[in-house]
N, C-alpha and C. Protein backbone atom coordinates (compact mmCIF):
# COMPACT_ATOMS: atom_id res chain seq x y z
N UNK A 1 0.66 -1.13 0.11
CA UNK A 1 0.11 0.03 0.07
C UNK A 1 0.96 1.33 0.01
N UNK A 2 0.69 2.08 -1.25
CA UNK A 2 1.43 3.76 -1.08
C UNK A 2 0.90 4.34 0.15
N UNK A 3 1.87 5.20 0.49
CA UNK A 3 1.17 6.12 1.45
C UNK A 3 1.55 7.94 0.87
N UNK A 4 2.26 7.66 -0.36
CA UNK A 4 2.18 8.55 -1.04
C UNK A 4 2.09 8.37 -2.40
N UNK A 5 2.43 8.90 -3.43
CA UNK A 5 1.76 8.95 -4.91
C UNK A 5 3.08 7.73 -5.28
N UNK A 6 1.76 6.92 -6.62
CA UNK A 6 2.80 6.11 -6.61
C UNK A 6 4.38 6.14 -7.53
N UNK A 7 4.02 7.57 -8.48
CA UNK A 7 5.02 7.95 -9.06
C UNK A 7 6.68 8.33 -7.88
N UNK A 8 6.08 8.84 -6.65
CA UNK A 8 7.00 9.08 -6.03
C UNK A 8 7.70 7.67 -5.49
N UNK A 9 7.03 7.08 -4.95
CA UNK A 9 7.40 5.61 -4.86
C UNK A 9 8.27 4.97 -5.77
N UNK A 10 8.05 4.78 -6.84
CA UNK A 10 8.94 4.08 -7.95
C UNK A 10 10.10 5.42 -8.24
N UNK A 11 9.92 6.71 -8.02
CA UNK A 11 11.19 7.59 -7.89
C UNK A 11 12.29 6.92 -6.69
N UNK A 12 11.49 7.00 -5.73
CA UNK A 12 12.49 6.52 -4.40
C UNK A 12 12.90 4.95 -4.48
N UNK A 13 12.36 4.24 -5.43
CA UNK A 13 12.77 2.97 -5.42
C UNK A 13 13.98 3.14 -6.17
N UNK A 14 14.14 3.82 -7.13
CA UNK A 14 15.36 4.32 -8.26
C UNK A 14 16.60 4.72 -7.21
N UNK A 15 16.25 6.08 -6.61
CA UNK A 15 17.26 6.53 -6.00
C UNK A 15 17.92 5.48 -4.99
N UNK A 16 16.91 4.32 -3.88
CA UNK A 16 17.41 3.60 -3.40
C UNK A 16 18.63 2.50 -3.74
N UNK A 17 18.73 2.38 -5.30
CA UNK A 17 19.35 1.10 -5.91
C UNK A 17 20.55 2.04 -5.96
N UNK A 18 20.61 3.40 -5.90
CA UNK A 18 22.22 3.86 -5.68
C UNK A 18 22.81 3.70 -4.37
N UNK A 19 24.18 3.24 -4.81
CA UNK A 19 25.08 2.87 -3.35
C UNK A 19 25.13 4.33 -2.25
N UNK A 20 24.86 3.84 -0.95
CA UNK A 20 24.80 4.57 0.01
C UNK A 20 23.48 5.24 0.29
N UNK A 21 22.50 4.93 -0.59
CA UNK A 21 21.02 5.35 -0.55
C UNK A 21 20.04 4.46 0.65
N UNK A 22 19.81 4.97 1.45
CA UNK A 22 18.86 3.96 2.03
C UNK A 22 17.38 4.54 1.76
N UNK A 23 16.43 3.96 2.39
CA UNK A 23 14.83 4.21 2.00
C UNK A 23 14.61 5.50 2.53
N UNK A 24 15.14 5.80 3.64
CA UNK A 24 14.64 7.44 4.07
C UNK A 24 15.07 8.19 3.18
N UNK A 25 16.76 8.41 2.72
CA UNK A 25 17.20 9.35 2.04
C UNK A 25 16.69 9.03 0.38
N UNK A 26 16.13 7.92 0.03
CA UNK A 26 15.37 8.14 -1.24
C UNK A 26 14.16 8.54 -1.14
N UNK A 27 13.37 8.38 -0.28
CA UNK A 27 12.19 9.05 -0.35
C UNK A 27 12.43 10.64 -0.10
N UNK A 28 13.59 11.35 0.79
CA UNK A 28 13.68 12.99 0.72
C UNK A 28 14.12 13.06 -0.76
N UNK A 29 14.74 12.40 -1.27
CA UNK A 29 15.67 13.09 -2.59
C UNK A 29 14.19 12.86 -3.59
N UNK A 30 13.41 12.11 -3.82
CA UNK A 30 12.25 11.65 -4.28
C UNK A 30 11.10 13.28 -3.86
N UNK A 31 10.79 13.31 -3.08
CA UNK A 31 10.55 14.71 -2.37
C UNK A 31 11.10 15.75 -2.82
N UNK A 32 12.06 15.82 -3.19
CA UNK A 32 12.92 16.93 -3.16
C UNK A 32 12.68 17.76 -4.73
N UNK A 33 12.86 16.40 -5.62
CA UNK A 33 12.82 16.30 -7.20
C UNK A 33 11.40 16.93 -7.08
N UNK A 34 10.29 16.71 -6.37
CA UNK A 34 9.01 17.16 -6.56
C UNK A 34 8.91 18.74 -6.75
N UNK A 35 9.92 19.32 -5.64
CA UNK A 35 9.68 20.78 -5.20
C UNK A 35 10.66 21.55 -6.74
N UNK A 36 11.66 20.57 -7.14
CA UNK A 36 12.25 21.37 -8.08
C UNK A 36 11.32 21.65 -9.20
N UNK A 37 11.74 23.09 -9.92
CA UNK A 37 10.95 23.09 -11.16
C UNK A 37 11.21 22.08 -12.39
N UNK A 38 10.11 22.17 -12.87
CA UNK A 38 10.56 21.12 -14.46
C UNK A 38 11.50 21.42 -15.02
N UNK A 39 12.04 22.41 -15.06
CA UNK A 39 13.29 22.90 -16.17
C UNK A 39 14.48 22.25 -15.58
N UNK A 40 14.29 22.31 -13.89
CA UNK A 40 15.58 21.85 -13.12
C UNK A 40 15.49 19.83 -13.34
N UNK A 41 14.42 19.68 -13.23
CA UNK A 41 14.01 18.19 -13.27
C UNK A 41 14.39 17.82 -14.81
N UNK A 42 13.96 18.48 -16.08
CA UNK A 42 14.68 17.99 -17.30
C UNK A 42 16.31 18.15 -17.28
N UNK A 43 16.67 18.87 -16.94
CA UNK A 43 18.27 19.38 -16.90
C UNK A 43 18.67 18.13 -16.11
N UNK A 44 17.95 17.49 -15.02
CA UNK A 44 18.74 16.41 -14.32
C UNK A 44 18.71 15.36 -15.03
N UNK A 45 17.80 14.85 -15.72
CA UNK A 45 17.26 13.87 -16.53
C UNK A 45 18.17 13.74 -17.42
N UNK A 46 18.36 15.12 -18.28
CA UNK A 46 19.64 14.94 -19.31
C UNK A 46 20.84 14.50 -19.18
N UNK A 47 21.10 15.06 -17.84
CA UNK A 47 22.75 14.82 -17.21
C UNK A 47 22.63 13.51 -17.27
N UNK A 48 21.71 12.91 -16.71
CA UNK A 48 21.66 11.36 -16.41
C UNK A 48 21.60 10.63 -17.68
N UNK A 49 20.83 10.91 -18.75
CA UNK A 49 20.94 10.10 -20.00
C UNK A 49 22.47 10.61 -20.56
N UNK A 50 23.04 11.84 -20.40
CA UNK A 50 24.42 12.18 -21.09
C UNK A 50 25.14 11.27 -20.67
N UNK A 51 25.58 11.08 -19.30
CA UNK A 51 26.24 10.00 -18.67
C UNK A 51 26.20 9.10 -19.37
N UNK A 52 25.22 8.04 -19.36
CA UNK A 52 24.91 6.79 -20.25
C UNK A 52 25.56 6.77 -21.80
N UNK A 53 25.07 8.15 -22.58
CA UNK A 53 25.44 8.11 -23.79
C UNK A 53 26.63 8.71 -24.23
N UNK A 54 27.34 9.49 -23.24
CA UNK A 54 28.71 10.02 -23.77
C UNK A 54 30.23 9.74 -23.29
N UNK A 55 29.52 8.92 -21.67
CA UNK A 55 30.78 8.44 -21.01
C UNK A 55 31.20 7.09 -21.72
N UNK A 56 32.62 7.01 -21.77
CA UNK A 56 32.87 5.36 -21.76
C UNK A 56 34.41 5.41 -21.45
N UNK A 57 35.41 4.44 -21.74
CA UNK A 57 36.20 3.58 -20.64
C UNK A 57 37.61 4.47 -21.83
N UNK A 58 38.52 5.25 -21.57
CA UNK A 58 39.89 5.52 -22.18
C UNK A 58 40.29 4.03 -22.93
N UNK A 59 40.95 3.85 -23.94
CA UNK A 59 41.67 2.34 -25.10
C UNK A 59 42.62 2.43 -24.20
N UNK A 60 43.60 3.48 -23.69
CA UNK A 60 44.60 3.29 -23.20
C UNK A 60 44.56 2.72 -21.76
N UNK A 61 44.47 3.61 -20.95
CA UNK A 61 44.16 3.54 -19.18
C UNK A 61 43.15 2.73 -18.89
N UNK A 62 41.80 2.66 -19.21
CA UNK A 62 40.31 2.36 -18.69
C UNK A 62 40.31 3.61 -17.88
N UNK A 63 40.31 4.53 -17.60
CA UNK A 63 39.68 5.73 -16.84
C UNK A 63 38.45 5.99 -17.90
N UNK A 64 37.47 7.23 -16.92
CA UNK A 64 36.42 7.26 -17.73
C UNK A 64 36.66 8.59 -18.49
N UNK A 65 35.64 8.45 -19.60
CA UNK A 65 36.20 9.64 -20.25
C UNK A 65 34.84 9.91 -21.52
N UNK A 66 35.11 11.30 -21.96
CA UNK A 66 34.13 11.56 -23.51
C UNK A 66 34.84 11.35 -24.77
N UNK A 67 36.10 11.34 -24.60
CA UNK A 67 36.68 11.51 -25.60
C UNK A 67 38.06 10.39 -25.73
N UNK A 68 38.35 9.68 -26.27
CA UNK A 68 39.18 8.54 -26.28
C UNK A 68 40.63 9.13 -27.36
N UNK A 69 41.67 9.02 -26.53
CA UNK A 69 42.21 8.91 -25.59
C UNK A 69 41.67 9.78 -24.41
N UNK A 70 41.85 9.73 -22.89
CA UNK A 70 41.50 10.59 -22.07
C UNK A 70 42.21 11.47 -22.24
N UNK A 71 42.05 12.71 -21.37
CA UNK A 71 42.55 14.05 -21.30
C UNK A 71 44.05 13.71 -20.80
N UNK A 72 44.00 12.76 -19.99
CA UNK A 72 45.39 12.42 -19.31
C UNK A 72 46.36 11.38 -20.34
N UNK A 73 45.76 10.91 -20.77
CA UNK A 73 46.69 10.10 -21.76
C UNK A 73 47.11 10.65 -23.03
N UNK A 74 46.18 11.78 -23.34
CA UNK A 74 46.52 12.51 -24.38
C UNK A 74 47.53 13.88 -24.32
N UNK A 75 47.35 14.35 -23.07
CA UNK A 75 48.35 15.15 -22.65
C UNK A 75 49.88 15.06 -22.80
N UNK A 76 50.49 15.66 -23.83
CA UNK A 76 52.05 15.67 -23.89
C UNK A 76 53.13 15.81 -22.76
N UNK A 77 52.23 16.70 -21.60
CA UNK A 77 53.35 17.13 -20.96
C UNK A 77 53.41 16.32 -19.70
N UNK A 78 52.69 14.97 -19.69
CA UNK A 78 52.68 13.99 -18.51
C UNK A 78 53.56 13.25 -18.62
N UNK A 79 54.40 12.92 -17.39
CA UNK A 79 55.34 11.93 -17.78
C UNK A 79 55.45 10.45 -18.33
N UNK A 80 55.53 10.01 -19.31
CA UNK A 80 54.93 8.82 -19.81
C UNK A 80 55.98 7.37 -19.49
N UNK A 81 56.92 7.93 -18.25
CA UNK A 81 57.72 6.66 -17.80
C UNK A 81 57.35 6.08 -16.83
N UNK A 82 56.08 6.99 -15.69
CA UNK A 82 55.42 6.53 -14.57
C UNK A 82 54.10 6.15 -15.21
N UNK A 83 54.04 4.89 -14.32
CA UNK A 83 52.33 4.32 -14.52
C UNK A 83 51.76 4.08 -12.99
N UNK A 84 50.62 4.91 -12.63
CA UNK A 84 50.03 4.50 -11.66
C UNK A 84 49.04 3.83 -11.60
N UNK A 85 48.98 2.56 -11.03
CA UNK A 85 48.00 1.46 -11.14
C UNK A 85 47.04 1.60 -9.86
N UNK A 86 45.34 1.99 -10.49
CA UNK A 86 44.67 2.29 -9.32
C UNK A 86 43.47 1.33 -9.94
N UNK A 87 42.32 0.99 -8.77
CA UNK A 87 41.47 -0.11 -9.09
C UNK A 87 40.43 0.63 -9.76
N UNK A 88 39.94 2.00 -9.52
CA UNK A 88 38.99 2.28 -10.29
C UNK A 88 38.70 3.95 -10.60
N UNK A 89 38.19 4.20 -11.58
CA UNK A 89 38.21 5.78 -12.09
C UNK A 89 38.33 6.65 -10.84
N UNK A 90 37.28 6.57 -9.82
CA UNK A 90 37.38 7.56 -8.73
C UNK A 90 38.91 7.93 -7.97
N UNK A 91 39.40 6.73 -8.20
CA UNK A 91 41.17 6.64 -7.50
C UNK A 91 41.73 7.59 -8.26
N UNK A 92 41.59 7.66 -9.83
CA UNK A 92 42.66 8.59 -10.33
C UNK A 92 42.40 10.15 -9.97
N UNK A 93 40.68 10.31 -10.01
CA UNK A 93 40.23 11.60 -9.34
C UNK A 93 40.94 11.97 -7.98
N UNK A 94 41.20 11.13 -7.24
CA UNK A 94 41.50 11.45 -5.87
C UNK A 94 43.10 11.83 -5.94
N UNK A 95 43.84 10.96 -6.74
CA UNK A 95 45.23 11.42 -6.78
C UNK A 95 45.30 12.75 -7.57
N UNK A 96 44.45 12.84 -8.71
CA UNK A 96 44.67 14.35 -9.54
C UNK A 96 44.23 15.45 -8.71
N UNK A 97 43.49 15.40 -7.41
CA UNK A 97 43.14 16.51 -6.43
C UNK A 97 44.37 16.86 -5.93
N UNK A 98 45.35 15.93 -6.17
CA UNK A 98 46.65 16.41 -5.12
C UNK A 98 47.52 17.20 -5.89
N UNK A 99 47.36 17.16 -7.13
CA UNK A 99 48.17 17.88 -8.14
C UNK A 99 49.87 17.69 -7.75
N UNK A 100 50.03 16.18 -7.32
CA UNK A 100 51.36 15.98 -7.29
C UNK A 100 51.98 14.79 -8.16
N UNK A 101 51.17 13.61 -8.71
CA UNK A 101 51.37 12.84 -9.97
C UNK A 101 51.37 13.45 -10.96
N UNK A 102 52.28 13.70 -11.83
CA UNK A 102 52.58 13.63 -13.02
C UNK A 102 52.61 12.76 -14.15
N UNK A 103 52.53 11.33 -14.10
CA UNK A 103 52.60 10.75 -14.89
C UNK A 103 51.16 10.05 -15.26
N UNK A 104 51.16 8.66 -15.89
CA UNK A 104 50.14 8.02 -16.48
C UNK A 104 49.19 7.11 -15.26
N UNK A 105 48.18 6.96 -15.82
CA UNK A 105 47.31 5.73 -14.77
C UNK A 105 46.88 4.82 -15.75
N UNK A 106 46.52 3.55 -14.81
CA UNK A 106 46.20 2.18 -15.53
C UNK A 106 45.24 1.97 -14.54
N UNK A 107 43.71 1.82 -14.67
CA UNK A 107 42.43 1.66 -13.85
C UNK A 107 42.23 0.02 -14.28
N UNK A 108 42.57 -0.73 -13.12
CA UNK A 108 42.37 -2.13 -13.23
C UNK A 108 40.74 -2.39 -13.42
N UNK A 109 39.90 -1.69 -12.79
CA UNK A 109 38.45 -2.03 -12.93
C UNK A 109 38.07 -2.79 -11.79
N UNK A 110 38.79 -2.85 -10.66
CA UNK A 110 38.34 -3.50 -9.47
C UNK A 110 39.86 -4.33 -8.63
N UNK A 111 39.66 -5.04 -7.87
CA UNK A 111 40.58 -5.82 -7.47
C UNK A 111 40.40 -7.23 -7.13
N UNK A 112 41.11 -8.12 -7.30
CA UNK A 112 40.93 -9.80 -7.01
C UNK A 112 39.82 -10.01 -5.91
N UNK A 113 39.32 -10.83 -6.17
CA UNK A 113 38.25 -11.28 -5.05
C UNK A 113 37.72 -12.56 -5.35
N UNK A 114 38.39 -13.67 -4.85
CA UNK A 114 37.85 -14.95 -5.41
C UNK A 114 36.30 -15.18 -4.72
N UNK A 115 36.05 -14.58 -3.29
CA UNK A 115 35.19 -14.84 -3.16
C UNK A 115 33.70 -14.00 -3.73
N UNK A 116 33.99 -13.22 -4.41
CA UNK A 116 32.91 -12.74 -5.25
C UNK A 116 33.35 -12.83 -6.60
N UNK A 117 34.05 -13.97 -7.14
CA UNK A 117 34.37 -14.18 -8.27
C UNK A 117 34.97 -13.42 -9.34
N UNK A 118 35.72 -12.81 -8.76
CA UNK A 118 36.36 -11.98 -9.35
C UNK A 118 38.09 -12.30 -9.55
N UNK A 119 38.64 -12.70 -10.77
CA UNK A 119 39.82 -13.24 -10.88
C UNK A 119 40.50 -12.17 -11.61
N UNK A 120 41.61 -12.64 -12.25
CA UNK A 120 42.68 -11.98 -13.14
C UNK A 120 42.05 -11.75 -14.36
N UNK A 121 41.46 -12.49 -14.85
CA UNK A 121 40.85 -12.25 -16.43
C UNK A 121 39.35 -11.25 -16.15
N UNK A 122 39.19 -10.93 -15.25
CA UNK A 122 37.85 -9.72 -15.05
C UNK A 122 38.67 -8.49 -14.81
N UNK A 123 40.07 -8.32 -14.65
CA UNK A 123 40.47 -7.35 -14.49
C UNK A 123 41.04 -6.72 -15.97
N UNK A 124 41.74 -5.42 -15.78
CA UNK A 124 42.26 -4.82 -16.81
C UNK A 124 43.81 -5.35 -16.79
N UNK A 125 44.49 -6.41 -16.19
CA UNK A 125 45.61 -7.01 -15.88
C UNK A 125 46.54 -6.87 -17.40
N UNK A 126 45.67 -8.08 -18.05
CA UNK A 126 46.76 -7.88 -19.78
C UNK A 126 46.87 -6.76 -20.17
N UNK A 127 45.92 -6.00 -20.33
CA UNK A 127 46.18 -4.55 -20.67
C UNK A 127 47.60 -3.72 -20.33
N UNK A 128 47.59 -3.69 -18.79
CA UNK A 128 48.68 -3.27 -18.05
C UNK A 128 49.85 -3.81 -18.46
N UNK A 129 49.92 -5.13 -18.55
CA UNK A 129 50.94 -5.94 -18.93
C UNK A 129 51.93 -5.47 -20.57
N UNK A 130 50.84 -5.43 -21.10
CA UNK A 130 50.71 -5.01 -22.68
C UNK A 130 51.31 -3.32 -22.74
N UNK A 131 51.08 -2.84 -22.12
CA UNK A 131 51.56 -1.04 -22.08
C UNK A 131 53.01 -1.23 -21.42
N UNK A 132 52.78 -1.92 -20.53
CA UNK A 132 54.62 -2.00 -19.89
C UNK A 132 55.55 -2.41 -20.86
N UNK A 133 55.18 -3.39 -21.44
CA UNK A 133 56.05 -4.30 -22.64
C UNK A 133 56.32 -3.40 -23.66
N UNK A 134 55.31 -2.50 -24.26
CA UNK A 134 55.22 -1.78 -25.42
C UNK A 134 56.13 -0.16 -25.34
N UNK A 135 56.24 0.29 -23.69
CA UNK A 135 56.44 1.58 -23.71
C UNK A 135 57.97 1.67 -22.76
N UNK A 136 58.56 2.48 -22.92
CA UNK A 136 59.84 2.60 -22.16
C UNK A 136 59.17 2.97 -20.56
N UNK A 137 58.83 2.09 -19.36
CA UNK A 137 58.23 2.39 -18.42
C UNK A 137 59.41 2.13 -17.14
N UNK A 138 59.75 3.17 -16.58
CA UNK A 138 60.80 3.33 -15.58
C UNK A 138 60.07 2.99 -14.39
N UNK A 139 59.17 3.03 -14.11
CA UNK A 139 58.51 2.60 -12.65
C UNK A 139 57.00 2.68 -12.65
N UNK A 140 56.10 1.54 -11.92
CA UNK A 140 54.78 1.28 -11.91
C UNK A 140 54.74 1.34 -10.81
N UNK A 141 53.78 2.05 -10.02
CA UNK A 141 53.28 2.60 -8.74
C UNK A 141 51.88 1.75 -8.43
N UNK A 142 52.18 0.79 -7.45
CA UNK A 142 50.84 0.32 -7.12
C UNK A 142 49.82 1.13 -6.07
N UNK A 143 49.20 1.93 -6.48
CA UNK A 143 48.20 2.49 -5.44
C UNK A 143 46.54 1.79 -5.55
N UNK A 144 46.74 0.62 -4.93
CA UNK A 144 45.72 0.06 -4.52
C UNK A 144 44.98 0.27 -3.03
N UNK A 145 43.81 0.00 -2.79
CA UNK A 145 43.35 -0.11 -1.55
C UNK A 145 44.03 -0.84 -0.52
N UNK A 146 44.12 -0.06 0.77
CA UNK A 146 44.99 -1.04 1.73
C UNK A 146 43.82 -2.00 2.41
N UNK A 147 43.25 -3.06 1.56
CA UNK A 147 41.97 -3.98 2.21
C UNK A 147 42.86 -5.48 1.72
N UNK A 148 41.80 -6.41 2.05
CA UNK A 148 42.58 -7.78 1.54
C UNK A 148 42.39 -7.96 0.06
N UNK A 149 41.44 -7.44 -0.36
CA UNK A 149 41.33 -7.32 -2.01
C UNK A 149 42.60 -6.72 -3.07
N UNK A 150 42.79 -5.67 -2.22
CA UNK A 150 43.96 -4.70 -2.58
C UNK A 150 45.29 -5.39 -2.71
N UNK A 151 45.45 -6.14 -1.30
CA UNK A 151 46.69 -6.82 -0.95
C UNK A 151 46.83 -7.95 -2.09
N UNK A 152 45.92 -8.44 -2.20
CA UNK A 152 45.88 -9.93 -3.11
C UNK A 152 46.25 -9.38 -4.44
N UNK A 153 45.63 -8.18 -5.21
CA UNK A 153 45.94 -7.73 -6.07
C UNK A 153 47.34 -7.26 -6.39
N UNK A 154 47.79 -6.40 -5.54
CA UNK A 154 48.78 -6.35 -5.39
C UNK A 154 50.02 -7.63 -5.45
N UNK A 155 49.55 -8.21 -4.45
CA UNK A 155 50.97 -9.36 -4.47
C UNK A 155 50.59 -10.02 -6.11
N UNK A 156 49.64 -10.22 -6.61
CA UNK A 156 49.29 -10.91 -7.54
C UNK A 156 50.24 -10.02 -8.99
N UNK A 157 50.29 -8.79 -8.94
CA UNK A 157 50.81 -7.90 -9.62
C UNK A 157 52.48 -8.33 -9.88
């Protein structure tokens, strides 16, 4: 039985599928959308569709991008002899915010987790090895999460 409009419940269900969003927060977001102007809701909807239509993975480093190669791989000022290996695209963002690392990245797309059925073939490990063998790489920095899966991936690499 719905205590609010069915459309609000459906929107709340969609918000609740997002990571870190519980039922209460999902309902708050749905009610907030109701208070937004129609133009703002259309803008939000277009932004969601644009993400699905335009964002893809860089063919070199597997970071998220709208252009291929990504801005980091295409930047000739980056130090090409250093590769920082990370698990996910948000890790690239975190490191870039420091403005300290001037090399390139390689996004694995996760970490090894046999319990979850994620093995070496599910990650971009072959692509990393190919990049290393194709170019003059002086240093590979493993910037993986300090948890069991990150440590297992580090040891495997």
